[in-house]
C-alpha atoms as a PDB file:
ATOM      1  CA  MET A   1     125.439 130.884  99.276  1.00  0.00           C
ATOM      2  CA  ALA A   2     123.157 128.461  97.308  1.00  0.00           C
ATOM      3  CA  ARG A   3     124.582 125.288  95.941  1.00  0.00           C
ATOM      4  CA  TYR A   4     122.816 124.059  92.661  1.00  0.00           C
ATOM      5  CA  ILE A   5     120.813 120.390  93.109  1.00  0.00           C
ATOM      6  CA  ARG A   6     119.205 120.140  89.740  1.00  0.00           C
ATOM      7  CA  LYS A   7     116.467 121.729  87.739  1.00  0.00           C
ATOM      8  CA  GLY A   8     113.723 121.280  89.799  1.00  0.00           C
ATOM      9  CA  ASP A   9     110.664 119.703  87.673  1.00  0.00           C
ATOM     10  CA  THR A  10     109.887 116.550  89.834  1.00  0.00           C
ATOM     11  CA  VAL A  11     110.151 114.901  93.392  1.00  0.00           C
ATOM     12  CA  GLN A  12     110.549 111.475  94.619  1.00  0.00           C
ATOM     13  CA  LYS A  13     107.441 110.672  96.406  1.00  0.00           C
ATOM     14  CA  LEU A  14     106.896 107.237  98.919  1.00  0.00           C
ATOM     15  CA  ASN A  15     103.788 106.371  98.397  1.00  0.00           C
ATOM     16  CA  ASN A  16     102.908 105.442 101.836  1.00  0.00           C
ATOM     17  CA  THR A  17      99.363 104.733 101.068  1.00  0.00           C
ATOM     18  CA  GLU A  18      97.799 101.172 100.746  1.00  0.00           C
ATOM     19  CA  GLN A  19      96.710 102.403  97.119  1.00  0.00           C
ATOM     20  CA  VAL A  20      98.248 102.449  93.892  1.00  0.00           C
ATOM     21  CA  ILE A  21      99.276 105.913  92.685  1.00  0.00           C
ATOM     22  CA  LEU A  22      98.722 105.509  88.696  1.00  0.00           C
ATOM     23  CA  TYR A  23     100.355 107.326  86.115  1.00  0.00           C
ATOM     24  CA  GLY A  24      98.421 110.960  85.760  1.00  0.00           C
ATOM     25  CA  ASP A  25      97.061 110.746  89.554  1.00  0.00           C
ATOM     26  CA  VAL A  26      96.906 114.078  91.373  1.00  0.00           C
ATOM     27  CA  VAL A  27      99.460 113.538  94.359  1.00  0.00           C
ATOM     28  CA  LYS A  28      98.667 115.846  97.347  1.00  0.00           C
ATOM     29  CA  LEU A  29     102.114 116.928  98.533  1.00  0.00           C
ATOM     30  CA  SER A  30     100.970 119.109 101.775  1.00  0.00           C
ATOM     31  CA  THR A  31      99.674 122.023 100.906  1.00  0.00           C
ATOM     32  CA  ARG A  32     100.587 121.440  97.099  1.00  0.00           C
ATOM     33  CA  ILE A  33      99.851 118.832  94.417  1.00  0.00           C
ATOM     34  CA  GLY A  34     101.999 117.262  92.158  1.00  0.00           C
ATOM     35  CA  ILE A  35     101.240 114.522  89.229  1.00  0.00           C
ATOM     36  CA  ALA A  36     102.354 111.252  89.161  1.00  0.00           C
ATOM     37  CA  ALA A  37     104.936 110.716  86.398  1.00  0.00           C
ATOM     38  CA  SER A  38     104.449 106.604  86.603  1.00  0.00           C
ATOM     39  CA  THR A  39     102.523 104.317  88.346  1.00  0.00           C
ATOM     40  CA  ILE A  40     103.710 104.062  91.965  1.00  0.00           C
ATOM     41  CA  ASN A  41     102.998 101.047  94.140  1.00  0.00           C
ATOM     42  CA  PRO A  42     102.597 101.137  98.172  1.00  0.00           C
ATOM     43  CA  GLY A  43     105.743 101.265  99.758  1.00  0.00           C
ATOM     44  CA  GLU A  44     107.519 102.535  96.726  1.00  0.00           C
ATOM     45  CA  VAL A  45     109.242 105.638  95.671  1.00  0.00           C
ATOM     46  CA  GLY A  46     108.184 107.758  92.173  1.00  0.00           C
ATOM     47  CA  THR A  47     108.477 110.343  90.593  1.00  0.00           C
ATOM     48  CA  VAL A  48     106.255 113.149  90.457  1.00  0.00           C
ATOM     49  CA  ASN A  49     105.957 116.226  88.705  1.00  0.00           C
ATOM     50  CA  ILE A  50     105.692 119.544  90.255  1.00  0.00           C
ATOM     51  CA  VAL A  51     105.615 122.095  87.239  1.00  0.00           C
ATOM     52  CA  GLY A  52     103.528 122.009  84.159  1.00  0.00           C
ATOM     53  CA  VAL A  53     100.107 122.383  82.389  1.00  0.00           C
ATOM     54  CA  TYR A  54      97.692 119.935  83.135  1.00  0.00           C
ATOM     55  CA  GLU A  55      93.990 119.108  82.382  1.00  0.00           C
ATOM     56  CA  ILE A  56      92.510 118.535  85.814  1.00  0.00           C
ATOM     57  CA  LYS A  57      88.730 117.194  86.785  1.00  0.00           C
ATOM     58  CA  ALA A  58      86.983 120.872  87.893  1.00  0.00           C
ATOM     59  CA  GLU A  59      83.671 122.019  89.919  1.00  0.00           C
ATOM     60  CA  SER A  60      81.671 122.212  86.587  1.00  0.00           C
ATOM     61  CA  ASP A  61      79.495 124.863  87.638  1.00  0.00           C
ATOM     62  CA  GLU A  62      82.478 127.150  88.261  1.00  0.00           C
ATOM     63  CA  VAL A  63      83.908 129.561  85.884  1.00  0.00           C
ATOM     64  CA  LEU A  64      87.402 130.265  85.787  1.00  0.00           C
ATOM     65  CA  ALA A  65      89.582 133.312  84.548  1.00  0.00           C
ATOM     66  CA  ILE A  66      92.806 132.958  82.742  1.00  0.00           C
ATOM     67  CA  GLY A  67      95.565 133.621  85.800  1.00  0.00           C
ATOM     68  CA  GLU A  68      92.941 133.021  88.813  1.00  0.00           C
ATOM     69  CA  THR A  69      94.575 131.169  91.582  1.00  0.00           C
ATOM     70  CA  VAL A  70      92.818 127.489  91.579  1.00  0.00           C
ATOM     71  CA  TYR A  71      92.705 125.267  94.600  1.00  0.00           C
ATOM     72  CA  LEU A  72      92.116 121.167  95.148  1.00  0.00           C
ATOM     73  CA  ASN A  73      89.120 121.078  97.195  1.00  0.00           C
ATOM     74  CA  GLU A  74      87.619 117.458  99.454  1.00  0.00           C
ATOM     75  CA  SER A  75      86.149 115.875  96.629  1.00  0.00           C
ATOM     76  CA  GLY A  76      89.567 116.145  94.483  1.00  0.00           C
ATOM     77  CA  ASN A  77      88.392 118.921  91.893  1.00  0.00           C
ATOM     78  CA  ILE A  78      89.786 122.196  91.058  1.00  0.00           C
ATOM     79  CA  THR A  79      88.075 124.997  92.405  1.00  0.00           C
ATOM     80  CA  LYS A  80      88.446 128.810  92.659  1.00  0.00           C
ATOM     81  CA  THR A  81      87.173 128.599  96.602  1.00  0.00           C
ATOM     82  CA  VAL A  82      90.204 129.370  98.591  1.00  0.00           C
ATOM     83  CA  GLY A  83      91.641 126.395 100.463  1.00  0.00           C
ATOM     84  CA  ASN A  84      94.769 124.753 101.910  1.00  0.00           C
ATOM     85  CA  VAL A  85      95.800 123.068  98.811  1.00  0.00           C
ATOM     86  CA  VAL A  86      96.897 125.180  96.353  1.00  0.00           C
ATOM     87  CA  VAL A  87      96.922 123.920  92.785  1.00  0.00           C
ATOM     88  CA  GLY A  88      98.398 126.928  90.709  1.00  0.00           C
ATOM     89  CA  ILE A  89      96.728 129.156  88.166  1.00  0.00           C
ATOM     90  CA  ALA A  90      94.064 128.951  85.296  1.00  0.00           C
ATOM     91  CA  VAL A  91      95.807 129.128  81.801  1.00  0.00           C
ATOM     92  CA  GLU A  92      92.648 129.354  80.052  1.00  0.00           C
ATOM     93  CA  ASP A  93      89.157 130.417  80.683  1.00  0.00           C
ATOM     94  CA  LYS A  94      86.804 127.947  81.746  1.00  0.00           C
ATOM     95  CA  ALA A  95      82.999 128.148  81.293  1.00  0.00           C
ATOM     96  CA  SER A  96      80.203 126.539  83.507  1.00  0.00           C
ATOM     97  CA  GLY A  97      79.283 123.547  82.899  1.00  0.00           C
ATOM     98  CA  THR A  98      83.051 122.467  81.735  1.00  0.00           C
ATOM     99  CA  PRO A  99      84.401 119.327  83.942  1.00  0.00           C
ATOM    100  CA  PHE A 100      87.980 120.145  83.477  1.00  0.00           C
ATOM    101  CA  ALA A 101      90.277 123.212  84.099  1.00  0.00           C
ATOM    102  CA  ARG A 102      93.525 123.627  82.556  1.00  0.00           C
ATOM    103  CA  VAL A 103      95.904 124.862  84.880  1.00  0.00           C
ATOM    104  CA  LYS A 104      99.429 125.260  85.767  1.00  0.00           C
ATOM    105  CA  ILE A 105     100.894 123.444  88.601  1.00  0.00           C
ATOM    106  CA  GLY A 106     103.485 124.712  90.804  1.00  0.00           C
END
C-alpha cells in the first residue's frame, strides 16, 4: 500500500557547497539532475525542479534526435555519450553546431 505525499515535481535540496546556486542552474542530484527554482545560498534549503522541459547547454558538435536519452558530462553540458548522470530525453532534434538542447528532465 502507498500513501500519497505530493505531486513530486520538486524536491527540497540543501546547498551544502560554498557556492550560491542561482535560479536556473543545473543541480546534480546523485545520478539525475534538477533545475534550481530559485537562488539557494550556501547552507540554505531551496526548491529544485525535477520535471519539465528545459533548454540546456549542450556539446555543440553533437547531433541529437527526439527521444534520445541524454546525459550530463563533466563539463556540465548535455551529451548523448552514456554517463552516470542521466538528464532525460531530447524533445527536439538538435543539429551539429547548435549550442543548446531542449530536453525533458526526469
